[in-house]
């Protein structure tokens, strides 16, 4: 993996939490905590595959399909 060294400024309470994760051996070091946190945030901001695929859908068409499906199935639903 090609990496670069950077310097950041972080709130003291966040750094304490990061250090706790390292002490608990949930991560091998601070760098890994930050790498994974940044990666996860970027994926969320990018929307991920599901969001990209969902964005391709036509809401009106999908609603029409759902309404048609419900119209045929209503008679088959059990009464409570």
Protein backbone atom coordinates (compact mmCIF):
# COMPACT_ATOMS: atom_id res chain seq x y z
CA UNK A 1 0.00 0.00 0.00
CA UNK A 2 1.40 3.40 -0.98
CA UNK A 3 1.09 5.72 2.04
CA UNK A 4 1.93 9.31 2.92
CA UNK A 5 2.73 10.77 6.29
CA UNK A 6 0.64 13.79 7.35
CA UNK A 7 0.13 15.88 10.46
CA UNK A 8 -3.38 16.54 11.76
CA UNK A 9 -4.98 18.47 14.57
CA UNK A 10 -7.57 16.54 16.56
CA UNK A 11 -9.65 17.21 19.65
CA UNK A 12 -8.08 15.73 22.76
CA UNK A 13 -11.16 13.64 23.64
CA UNK A 14 -11.17 12.08 20.15
CA UNK A 15 -7.50 11.20 20.44
CA UNK A 16 -8.20 9.59 23.82
CA UNK A 17 -10.85 7.42 22.19
CA UNK A 18 -8.48 6.51 19.35
CA UNK A 19 -5.78 5.55 21.83
CA UNK A 20 -8.28 3.41 23.76
CA UNK A 21 -9.01 1.45 20.56
CA UNK A 22 -5.29 0.79 20.14
CA UNK A 23 -4.84 -0.23 23.79
CA UNK A 24 -7.80 -2.61 23.45
CA UNK A 25 -6.02 -4.05 20.38
CA UNK A 26 -8.98 -3.32 18.15
CA UNK A 27 -6.47 -1.58 15.84
CA UNK A 28 -2.71 -2.07 15.64
CA UNK A 29 -1.95 1.68 15.75
CA UNK A 30 -3.37 5.19 15.48
CA UNK A 31 -2.69 5.35 11.75
CA UNK A 32 -4.90 2.36 11.07
CA UNK A 33 -7.75 3.90 13.09
CA UNK A 34 -7.59 7.08 11.03
CA UNK A 35 -7.19 5.26 7.71
CA UNK A 36 -10.26 3.13 8.32
CA UNK A 37 -12.31 6.05 9.66
CA UNK A 38 -11.49 8.21 6.64
CA UNK A 39 -12.13 5.33 4.22
CA UNK A 40 -15.52 4.62 5.82
CA UNK A 41 -16.50 8.29 5.70
CA UNK A 42 -15.52 8.62 2.05
CA UNK A 43 -17.57 5.54 1.14
CA UNK A 44 -20.58 7.00 2.95
CA UNK A 45 -20.16 10.34 1.23
CA UNK A 46 -19.80 8.60 -2.11
CA UNK A 47 -23.05 6.83 -1.48
CA UNK A 48 -21.78 3.36 -2.09
CA UNK A 49 -23.09 0.95 -4.69
CA UNK A 50 -26.61 0.64 -3.30
CA UNK A 51 -27.15 4.40 -3.33
CA UNK A 52 -25.77 4.70 -6.86
CA UNK A 53 -28.09 1.96 -8.11
CA UNK A 54 -31.08 3.40 -6.24
CA UNK A 55 -30.41 6.81 -7.80
CA UNK A 56 -30.96 5.25 -11.22
CA UNK A 57 -34.54 4.27 -10.37
CA UNK A 58 -37.52 6.27 -11.59
CA UNK A 59 -39.65 6.93 -8.47
CA UNK A 60 -42.92 7.30 -10.41
CA UNK A 61 -42.37 4.04 -12.29
CA UNK A 62 -41.41 2.18 -9.12
CA UNK A 63 -44.52 3.51 -7.34
CA UNK A 64 -46.70 2.40 -10.25
CA UNK A 65 -45.22 -1.10 -10.06
CA UNK A 66 -45.80 -1.23 -6.31
CA UNK A 67 -49.39 -0.03 -6.69
CA UNK A 68 -50.11 -2.63 -9.38
CA UNK A 69 -48.68 -5.38 -7.23
CA UNK A 70 -50.78 -4.33 -4.25
CA UNK A 71 -53.95 -4.11 -6.34
CA UNK A 72 -53.67 -7.77 -7.37
CA UNK A 73 -52.74 -9.07 -3.95
CA UNK A 74 -55.29 -7.27 -1.77
CA UNK A 75 -57.96 -9.91 -2.34
CA UNK A 76 -55.52 -12.63 -1.27
CA UNK A 77 -54.60 -11.00 2.04
CA UNK A 78 -55.99 -12.74 5.13
CA UNK A 79 -58.46 -10.84 7.25
CA UNK A 80 -57.44 -10.13 10.83
